[in-house]
């Protein structure tokens, strides 16, 4: 199976909670990625495209493969910071 996901990468848990709060108020994920994410994927609204198991760090991968399509994760801590992940497709 492959998953297509977008993410927002921030450096602190507090920033991640702020982003999730804004998303819960109805802000668009893509707009929030462009505004807050430190990952180069922010230019594409956080879109990482499709990926298979073994291509991402374990914490990120575990979260992405367990989420349903169009669901948003709680903050996921990795060596890069805190990710908010949105799964946009599975195949």
PDB file of N, CA and C in Angstrom:
ATOM      1  N   UNK A   1       0.836  -1.187   0.000  1.00  0.00           N
ATOM      2  CA  UNK A   1       0.000   0.000   0.000  1.00  0.00           C
ATOM      3  C   UNK A   1       0.879   1.248   0.000  1.00  0.00           C
ATOM      4  N   UNK A   2       0.369   2.280  -0.644  1.00  0.00           N
ATOM      5  CA  UNK A   2       1.011   3.596  -0.626  1.00  0.00           C
ATOM      6  C   UNK A   2       0.038   4.596  -0.018  1.00  0.00           C
ATOM      7  N   UNK A   3       0.610   5.601   0.621  1.00  0.00           N
ATOM      8  CA  UNK A   3      -0.175   6.666   1.235  1.00  0.00           C
ATOM      9  C   UNK A   3       0.264   7.988   0.628  1.00  0.00           C
ATOM     10  N   UNK A   4      -0.698   8.865   0.385  1.00  0.00           N
ATOM     11  CA  UNK A   4      -0.372  10.236  -0.008  1.00  0.00           C
ATOM     12  C   UNK A   4      -0.696  11.115   1.191  1.00  0.00           C
ATOM     13  N   UNK A   5       0.274  11.904   1.593  1.00  0.00           N
ATOM     14  CA  UNK A   5       0.081  12.736   2.770  1.00  0.00           C
ATOM     15  C   UNK A   5       0.666  14.124   2.567  1.00  0.00           C
ATOM     16  N   UNK A   6       0.099  15.038   3.322  1.00  0.00           N
ATOM     17  CA  UNK A   6       0.644  16.383   3.439  1.00  0.00           C
ATOM     18  C   UNK A   6       1.020  16.557   4.900  1.00  0.00           C
ATOM     19  N   UNK A   7       1.958  17.465   5.159  1.00  0.00           N
ATOM     20  CA  UNK A   7       2.298  17.697   6.559  1.00  0.00           C
ATOM     21  C   UNK A   7       2.712  19.141   6.778  1.00  0.00           C
ATOM     22  N   UNK A   8       2.661  19.493   8.049  1.00  0.00           N
ATOM     23  CA  UNK A   8       3.149  20.794   8.506  1.00  0.00           C
ATOM     24  C   UNK A   8       4.215  20.474   9.542  1.00  0.00           C
ATOM     25  N   UNK A   9       5.423  20.973   9.333  1.00  0.00           N
ATOM     26  CA  UNK A   9       6.546  20.714  10.238  1.00  0.00           C
ATOM     27  C   UNK A   9       6.877  21.984  10.999  1.00  0.00           C
ATOM     28  N   UNK A  10       6.819  21.883  12.333  1.00  0.00           N
ATOM     29  CA  UNK A  10       7.173  23.010  13.205  1.00  0.00           C
ATOM     30  C   UNK A  10       8.174  22.528  14.246  1.00  0.00           C
ATOM     31  N   UNK A  11       8.815  23.464  14.926  1.00  0.00           N
ATOM     32  CA  UNK A  11       9.898  23.067  15.823  1.00  0.00           C
ATOM     33  C   UNK A  11       9.466  22.778  17.256  1.00  0.00           C
ATOM     34  N   UNK A  12       8.305  23.273  17.682  1.00  0.00           N
ATOM     35  CA  UNK A  12       7.894  23.049  19.076  1.00  0.00           C
ATOM     36  C   UNK A  12       6.482  22.482  19.163  1.00  0.00           C
ATOM     37  N   UNK A  13       6.207  21.816  20.272  1.00  0.00           N
ATOM     38  CA  UNK A  13       4.876  21.280  20.524  1.00  0.00           C
ATOM     39  C   UNK A  13       3.860  22.417  20.619  1.00  0.00           C
ATOM     40  N   UNK A  14       4.261  23.541  21.182  1.00  0.00           N
ATOM     41  CA  UNK A  14       3.358  24.690  21.304  1.00  0.00           C
ATOM     42  C   UNK A  14       2.916  25.189  19.931  1.00  0.00           C
ATOM     43  N   UNK A  15       3.871  25.280  18.995  1.00  0.00           N
ATOM     44  CA  UNK A  15       3.523  25.681  17.628  1.00  0.00           C
ATOM     45  C   UNK A  15       2.563  24.679  17.002  1.00  0.00           C
ATOM     46  N   UNK A  16       2.815  23.398  17.217  1.00  0.00           N
ATOM     47  CA  UNK A  16       1.956  22.356  16.659  1.00  0.00           C
ATOM     48  C   UNK A  16       0.539  22.490  17.204  1.00  0.00           C
ATOM     49  N   UNK A  17       0.415  22.756  18.490  1.00  0.00           N
ATOM     50  CA  UNK A  17      -0.914  22.917  19.093  1.00  0.00           C
ATOM     51  C   UNK A  17      -1.619  24.141  18.533  1.00  0.00           C
ATOM     52  N   UNK A  18      -0.880  25.203  18.277  1.00  0.00           N
ATOM     53  CA  UNK A  18      -1.462  26.410  17.681  1.00  0.00           C
ATOM     54  C   UNK A  18      -1.998  26.101  16.289  1.00  0.00           C
ATOM     55  N   UNK A  19      -1.218  25.384  15.494  1.00  0.00           N
ATOM     56  CA  UNK A  19      -1.636  25.024  14.135  1.00  0.00           C
ATOM     57  C   UNK A  19      -2.901  24.163  14.188  1.00  0.00           C
ATOM     58  N   UNK A  20      -2.928  23.170  15.060  1.00  0.00           N
ATOM     59  CA  UNK A  20      -4.101  22.299  15.170  1.00  0.00           C
ATOM     60  C   UNK A  20      -5.328  23.095  15.607  1.00  0.00           C
ATOM     61  N   UNK A  21      -5.135  24.034  16.508  1.00  0.00           N
ATOM     62  CA  UNK A  21      -6.243  24.888  16.939  1.00  0.00           C
ATOM     63  C   UNK A  21      -6.817  25.670  15.760  1.00  0.00           C
ATOM     64  N   UNK A  22      -5.939  26.215  14.921  1.00  0.00           N
ATOM     65  CA  UNK A  22      -6.383  26.960  13.740  1.00  0.00           C
ATOM     66  C   UNK A  22      -7.104  26.033  12.748  1.00  0.00           C
ATOM     67  N   UNK A  23      -6.580  24.831  12.576  1.00  0.00           N
ATOM     68  CA  UNK A  23      -7.221  23.869  11.677  1.00  0.00           C
ATOM     69  C   UNK A  23      -8.617  23.509  12.189  1.00  0.00           C
ATOM     70  N   UNK A  24      -8.736  23.353  13.506  1.00  0.00           N
ATOM     71  CA  UNK A  24     -10.029  23.020  14.101  1.00  0.00           C
ATOM     72  C   UNK A  24     -11.043  24.153  13.952  1.00  0.00           C
ATOM     73  N   UNK A  25     -10.545  25.357  13.722  1.00  0.00           N
ATOM     74  CA  UNK A  25     -11.430  26.514  13.509  1.00  0.00           C
ATOM     75  C   UNK A  25     -11.822  26.649  12.037  1.00  0.00           C
ATOM     76  N   UNK A  26     -11.341  25.723  11.207  1.00  0.00           N
ATOM     77  CA  UNK A  26     -11.747  25.720   9.810  1.00  0.00           C
ATOM     78  C   UNK A  26     -10.728  26.248   8.820  1.00  0.00           C
ATOM     79  N   UNK A  27      -9.522  26.574   9.285  1.00  0.00           N
ATOM     80  CA  UNK A  27      -8.488  27.028   8.345  1.00  0.00           C
ATOM     81  C   UNK A  27      -8.091  25.874   7.434  1.00  0.00           C
ATOM     82  N   UNK A  28      -7.726  26.195   6.189  1.00  0.00           N
ATOM     83  CA  UNK A  28      -7.322  25.170   5.226  1.00  0.00           C
ATOM     84  C   UNK A  28      -5.920  24.656   5.543  1.00  0.00           C
ATOM     85  N   UNK A  29      -5.776  23.337   5.479  1.00  0.00           N
ATOM     86  CA  UNK A  29      -4.494  22.700   5.770  1.00  0.00           C
ATOM     87  C   UNK A  29      -3.396  23.265   4.882  1.00  0.00           C
ATOM     88  N   UNK A  30      -3.683  23.408   3.593  1.00  0.00           N
ATOM     89  CA  UNK A  30      -2.671  23.875   2.641  1.00  0.00           C
ATOM     90  C   UNK A  30      -2.196  25.289   2.992  1.00  0.00           C
ATOM     91  N   UNK A  31      -3.131  26.148   3.380  1.00  0.00           N
ATOM     92  CA  UNK A  31      -2.765  27.517   3.761  1.00  0.00           C
ATOM     93  C   UNK A  31      -1.916  27.534   5.025  1.00  0.00           C
ATOM     94  N   UNK A  32      -2.255  26.678   5.962  1.00  0.00           N
ATOM     95  CA  UNK A  32      -1.496  26.613   7.215  1.00  0.00           C
ATOM     96  C   UNK A  32      -0.085  26.072   6.964  1.00  0.00           C
ATOM     97  N   UNK A  33       0.036  25.122   6.040  1.00  0.00           N
ATOM     98  CA  UNK A  33       1.362  24.589   5.693  1.00  0.00           C
ATOM     99  C   UNK A  33       2.232  25.689   5.100  1.00  0.00           C
ATOM    100  N   UNK A  34       1.660  26.472   4.202  1.00  0.00           N
ATOM    101  CA  UNK A  34       2.432  27.554   3.578  1.00  0.00           C
ATOM    102  C   UNK A  34       2.863  28.593   4.616  1.00  0.00           C
ATOM    103  N   UNK A  35       2.019  28.809   5.613  1.00  0.00           N
ATOM    104  CA  UNK A  35       2.296  29.835   6.623  1.00  0.00           C
ATOM    105  C   UNK A  35       3.275  29.364   7.698  1.00  0.00           C
ATOM    106  N   UNK A  36       3.130  28.115   8.161  1.00  0.00           N
ATOM    107  CA  UNK A  36       3.870  27.660   9.341  1.00  0.00           C
ATOM    108  C   UNK A  36       4.979  26.641   9.096  1.00  0.00           C
ATOM    109  N   UNK A  37       4.863  25.814   8.054  1.00  0.00           N
ATOM    110  CA  UNK A  37       5.775  24.682   7.930  1.00  0.00           C
ATOM    111  C   UNK A  37       7.182  25.103   7.531  1.00  0.00           C
ATOM    112  N   UNK A  38       8.175  24.478   8.177  1.00  0.00           N
ATOM    113  CA  UNK A  38       9.579  24.744   7.846  1.00  0.00           C
ATOM    114  C   UNK A  38      10.105  23.777   6.784  1.00  0.00           C
ATOM    115  N   UNK A  39       9.278  22.850   6.337  1.00  0.00           N
ATOM    116  CA  UNK A  39       9.687  21.883   5.310  1.00  0.00           C
ATOM    117  C   UNK A  39       9.555  22.509   3.921  1.00  0.00           C
ATOM    118  N   UNK A  40      10.454  22.189   2.988  1.00  0.00           N
ATOM    119  CA  UNK A  40      10.323  22.704   1.625  1.00  0.00           C
ATOM    120  C   UNK A  40       8.982  22.350   0.968  1.00  0.00           C
ATOM    121  N   UNK A  41       8.328  21.289   1.445  1.00  0.00           N
ATOM    122  CA  UNK A  41       7.022  20.916   0.891  1.00  0.00           C
ATOM    123  C   UNK A  41       5.954  21.966   1.181  1.00  0.00           C
ATOM    124  N   UNK A  42       6.258  22.915   2.048  1.00  0.00           N
ATOM    125  CA  UNK A  42       5.273  23.968   2.380  1.00  0.00           C
ATOM    126  C   UNK A  42       4.849  24.740   1.130  1.00  0.00           C
ATOM    127  N   UNK A  43       5.748  24.873   0.160  1.00  0.00           N
ATOM    128  CA  UNK A  43       5.423  25.582  -1.080  1.00  0.00           C
ATOM    129  C   UNK A  43       4.289  24.893  -1.838  1.00  0.00           C
ATOM    130  N   UNK A  44       4.131  23.580  -1.611  1.00  0.00           N
ATOM    131  CA  UNK A  44       3.062  22.800  -2.240  1.00  0.00           C
ATOM    132  C   UNK A  44       1.928  22.519  -1.267  1.00  0.00           C
ATOM    133  N   UNK A  45       1.775  23.354  -0.265  1.00  0.00           N
ATOM    134  CA  UNK A  45       0.729  23.123   0.736  1.00  0.00           C
ATOM    135  C   UNK A  45       1.019  21.930   1.618  1.00  0.00           C
ATOM    136  N   UNK A  46       2.291  21.555   1.690  1.00  0.00           N
ATOM    137  CA  UNK A  46       2.697  20.434   2.544  1.00  0.00           C
ATOM    138  C   UNK A  46       2.627  19.077   1.872  1.00  0.00           C
ATOM    139  N   UNK A  47       2.232  19.026   0.604  1.00  0.00           N
ATOM    140  CA  UNK A  47       2.042  17.746  -0.090  1.00  0.00           C
ATOM    141  C   UNK A  47       3.365  17.016  -0.292  1.00  0.00           C
ATOM    142  N   UNK A  48       3.409  15.771   0.164  1.00  0.00           N
ATOM    143  CA  UNK A  48       4.594  14.927   0.004  1.00  0.00           C
ATOM    144  C   UNK A  48       4.416  13.897  -1.104  1.00  0.00           C
ATOM    145  N   UNK A  49       3.236  13.832  -1.705  1.00  0.00           N
ATOM    146  CA  UNK A  49       2.966  12.825  -2.721  1.00  0.00           C
ATOM    147  C   UNK A  49       2.766  11.460  -2.096  1.00  0.00           C
ATOM    148  N   UNK A  50       2.747  10.424  -2.950  1.00  0.00           N
ATOM    149  CA  UNK A  50       2.582   9.048  -2.472  1.00  0.00           C
ATOM    150  C   UNK A  50       3.924   8.489  -2.015  1.00  0.00           C
ATOM    151  N   UNK A  51       3.893   7.687  -0.953  1.00  0.00           N
ATOM    152  CA  UNK A  51       5.097   7.003  -0.493  1.00  0.00           C
ATOM    153  C   UNK A  51       4.734   5.644   0.081  1.00  0.00           C
ATOM    154  N   UNK A  52       5.721   4.761   0.071  1.00  0.00           N
ATOM    155  CA  UNK A  52       5.566   3.396   0.599  1.00  0.00           C
ATOM    156  C   UNK A  52       6.215   3.316   1.967  1.00  0.00           C
ATOM    157  N   UNK A  53       5.952   2.210   2.643  1.00  0.00           N
ATOM    158  CA  UNK A  53       6.630   1.977   3.918  1.00  0.00           C
ATOM    159  C   UNK A  53       8.127   1.898   3.674  1.00  0.00           C
ATOM    160  N   UNK A  54       8.884   2.449   4.604  1.00  0.00           N
ATOM    161  CA  UNK A  54      10.331   2.434   4.493  1.00  0.00           C
ATOM    162  C   UNK A  54      10.922   3.702   3.905  1.00  0.00           C
ATOM    163  N   UNK A  55      10.071   4.640   3.482  1.00  0.00           N
ATOM    164  CA  UNK A  55      10.587   5.866   2.870  1.00  0.00           C
ATOM    165  C   UNK A  55      10.642   7.057   3.834  1.00  0.00           C
ATOM    166  N   UNK A  56       9.909   6.989   4.922  1.00  0.00           N
ATOM    167  CA  UNK A  56       9.855   8.093   5.885  1.00  0.00           C
ATOM    168  C   UNK A  56      10.372   7.603   7.232  1.00  0.00           C
ATOM    169  N   UNK A  57      10.664   8.551   8.127  1.00  0.00           N
ATOM    170  CA  UNK A  57      11.081   8.140   9.470  1.00  0.00           C
ATOM    171  C   UNK A  57       9.928   7.381  10.123  1.00  0.00           C
ATOM    172  N   UNK A  58      10.270   6.439  11.015  1.00  0.00           N
ATOM    173  CA  UNK A  58       9.303   5.505  11.560  1.00  0.00           C
ATOM    174  C   UNK A  58       8.093   6.181  12.201  1.00  0.00           C
ATOM    175  N   UNK A  59       8.304   7.177  13.035  1.00  0.00           N
ATOM    176  CA  UNK A  59       7.190   7.827  13.733  1.00  0.00           C
ATOM    177  C   UNK A  59       6.205   8.447  12.743  1.00  0.00           C
ATOM    178  N   UNK A  60       6.752   9.099  11.722  1.00  0.00           N
ATOM    179  CA  UNK A  60       5.927   9.730  10.697  1.00  0.00           C
ATOM    180  C   UNK A  60       5.162   8.659   9.918  1.00  0.00           C
ATOM    181  N   UNK A  61       5.876   7.646   9.502  1.00  0.00           N
ATOM    182  CA  UNK A  61       5.288   6.570   8.711  1.00  0.00           C
ATOM    183  C   UNK A  61       4.180   5.850   9.479  1.00  0.00           C
ATOM    184  N   UNK A  62       4.437   5.511  10.739  1.00  0.00           N
ATOM    185  CA  UNK A  62       3.430   4.821  11.552  1.00  0.00           C
ATOM    186  C   UNK A  62       2.144   5.635  11.629  1.00  0.00           C
ATOM    187  N   UNK A  63       2.280   6.930  11.836  1.00  0.00           N
ATOM    188  CA  UNK A  63       1.106   7.800  11.932  1.00  0.00           C
ATOM    189  C   UNK A  63       0.387   7.894  10.594  1.00  0.00           C
ATOM    190  N   UNK A  64       1.133   8.111   9.528  1.00  0.00           N
ATOM    191  CA  UNK A  64       0.518   8.291   8.207  1.00  0.00           C
ATOM    192  C   UNK A  64      -0.239   7.040   7.769  1.00  0.00           C
ATOM    193  N   UNK A  65       0.344   5.871   7.978  1.00  0.00           N
ATOM    194  CA  UNK A  65      -0.308   4.640   7.531  1.00  0.00           C
ATOM    195  C   UNK A  65      -1.484   4.256   8.416  1.00  0.00           C
ATOM    196  N   UNK A  66      -1.582   4.818   9.624  1.00  0.00           N
ATOM    197  CA  UNK A  66      -2.707   4.481  10.500  1.00  0.00           C
ATOM    198  C   UNK A  66      -3.884   5.450  10.367  1.00  0.00           C
ATOM    199  N   UNK A  67      -3.657   6.600   9.731  1.00  0.00           N
ATOM    200  CA  UNK A  67      -4.725   7.590   9.584  1.00  0.00           C
ATOM    201  C   UNK A  67      -5.661   7.233   8.434  1.00  0.00           C
ATOM    202  N   UNK A  68      -6.929   7.593   8.601  1.00  0.00           N
ATOM    203  CA  UNK A  68      -7.885   7.484   7.508  1.00  0.00           C
ATOM    204  C   UNK A  68      -7.708   8.685   6.581  1.00  0.00           C
ATOM    205  N   UNK A  69      -8.157   8.543   5.344  1.00  0.00           N
ATOM    206  CA  UNK A  69      -8.077   9.630   4.366  1.00  0.00           C
ATOM    207  C   UNK A  69      -8.843  10.851   4.875  1.00  0.00           C
ATOM    208  N   UNK A  70      -8.227  12.014   4.698  1.00  0.00           N
ATOM    209  CA  UNK A  70      -8.756  13.323   5.107  1.00  0.00           C
ATOM    210  C   UNK A  70      -8.794  13.552   6.609  1.00  0.00           C
ATOM    211  N   UNK A  71      -8.120  12.689   7.375  1.00  0.00           N
ATOM    212  CA  UNK A  71      -8.007  12.900   8.818  1.00  0.00           C
ATOM    213  C   UNK A  71      -6.665  13.571   9.108  1.00  0.00           C
ATOM    214  N   UNK A  72      -6.636  14.321  10.209  1.00  0.00           N
ATOM    215  CA  UNK A  72      -5.432  15.050  10.611  1.00  0.00           C
ATOM    216  C   UNK A  72      -4.926  14.469  11.931  1.00  0.00           C
ATOM    217  N   UNK A  73      -3.626  14.258  11.992  1.00  0.00           N
ATOM    218  CA  UNK A  73      -3.011  13.649  13.175  1.00  0.00           C
ATOM    219  C   UNK A  73      -2.860  14.651  14.310  1.00  0.00           C
ATOM    220  N   UNK A  74      -2.641  14.103  15.496  1.00  0.00           N
ATOM    221  CA  UNK A  74      -2.110  14.895  16.600  1.00  0.00           C
ATOM    222  C   UNK A  74      -0.650  15.166  16.264  1.00  0.00           C
ATOM    223  N   UNK A  75       0.017  16.048  17.002  1.00  0.00           N
ATOM    224  CA  UNK A  75       1.441  16.293  16.726  1.00  0.00           C
ATOM    225  C   UNK A  75       2.263  15.002  16.853  1.00  0.00           C
ATOM    226  N   UNK A  76       3.116  14.758  15.872  1.00  0.00           N
ATOM    227  CA  UNK A  76       3.995  13.585  15.842  1.00  0.00           C
ATOM    228  C   UNK A  76       5.431  14.080  15.957  1.00  0.00           C
ATOM    229  N   UNK A  77       6.122  13.671  17.020  1.00  0.00           N
ATOM    230  CA  UNK A  77       7.503  14.118  17.228  1.00  0.00           C
ATOM    231  C   UNK A  77       8.464  13.185  16.495  1.00  0.00           C
ATOM    232  N   UNK A  78       9.364  13.789  15.715  1.00  0.00           N
ATOM    233  CA  UNK A  78      10.452  13.046  15.068  1.00  0.00           C
ATOM    234  C   UNK A  78      11.745  13.829  15.308  1.00  0.00           C
ATOM    235  N   UNK A  79      12.834  13.330  14.762  1.00  0.00           N
ATOM    236  CA  UNK A  79      14.116  14.027  14.895  1.00  0.00           C
ATOM    237  C   UNK A  79      14.093  15.397  14.211  1.00  0.00           C
ATOM    238  N   UNK A  80      13.112  15.642  13.335  1.00  0.00           N
ATOM    239  CA  UNK A  80      13.038  16.899  12.590  1.00  0.00           C
ATOM    240  C   UNK A  80      12.189  17.961  13.282  1.00  0.00           C
ATOM    241  N   UNK A  81      11.366  17.543  14.231  1.00  0.00           N
ATOM    242  CA  UNK A  81      10.463  18.465  14.914  1.00  0.00           C
ATOM    243  C   UNK A  81       9.108  17.810  15.095  1.00  0.00           C
ATOM    244  N   UNK A  82       8.066  18.634  15.052  1.00  0.00           N
ATOM    245  CA  UNK A  82       6.701  18.138  15.238  1.00  0.00           C
ATOM    246  C   UNK A  82       5.934  18.250  13.924  1.00  0.00           C
ATOM    247  N   UNK A  83       5.325  17.140  13.529  1.00  0.00           N
ATOM    248  CA  UNK A  83       4.569  17.083  12.279  1.00  0.00           C
ATOM    249  C   UNK A  83       3.073  17.018  12.581  1.00  0.00           C
ATOM    250  N   UNK A  84       2.297  17.734  11.796  1.00  0.00           N
ATOM    251  CA  UNK A  84       0.854  17.524  11.739  1.00  0.00           C
ATOM    252  C   UNK A  84       0.634  16.930  10.361  1.00  0.00           C
ATOM    253  N   UNK A  85       0.065  15.741  10.328  1.00  0.00           N
ATOM    254  CA  UNK A  85      -0.060  14.992   9.081  1.00  0.00           C
ATOM    255  C   UNK A  85      -1.528  14.904   8.660  1.00  0.00           C
ATOM    256  N   UNK A  86      -1.758  15.079   7.368  1.00  0.00           N
ATOM    257  CA  UNK A  86      -3.080  14.858   6.785  1.00  0.00           C
ATOM    258  C   UNK A  86      -2.931  13.868   5.644  1.00  0.00           C
ATOM    259  N   UNK A  87      -3.607  12.731   5.762  1.00  0.00           N
ATOM    260  CA  UNK A  87      -3.577  11.737   4.694  1.00  0.00           C
ATOM    261  C   UNK A  87      -4.604  12.150   3.640  1.00  0.00           C
ATOM    262  N   UNK A  88      -4.156  12.240   2.395  1.00  0.00           N
ATOM    263  CA  UNK A  88      -5.037  12.696   1.315  1.00  0.00           C
ATOM    264  C   UNK A  88      -5.366  11.590   0.314  1.00  0.00           C
ATOM    265  N   UNK A  89      -4.732  10.415   0.458  1.00  0.00           N
ATOM    266  CA  UNK A  89      -5.052   9.304  -0.431  1.00  0.00           C
ATOM    267  C   UNK A  89      -4.344   8.030  -0.023  1.00  0.00           C
ATOM    268  N   UNK A  90      -4.922   6.911  -0.453  1.00  0.00           N
ATOM    269  CA  UNK A  90      -4.300   5.592  -0.237  1.00  0.00           C
ATOM    270  C   UNK A  90      -4.522   4.775  -1.488  1.00  0.00           C
ATOM    271  N   UNK A  91      -3.505   3.962  -1.845  1.00  0.00           N
ATOM    272  CA  UNK A  91      -3.677   3.038  -2.975  1.00  0.00           C
ATOM    273  C   UNK A  91      -2.807   1.815  -2.782  1.00  0.00           C
TER     274      UNK A  91
END
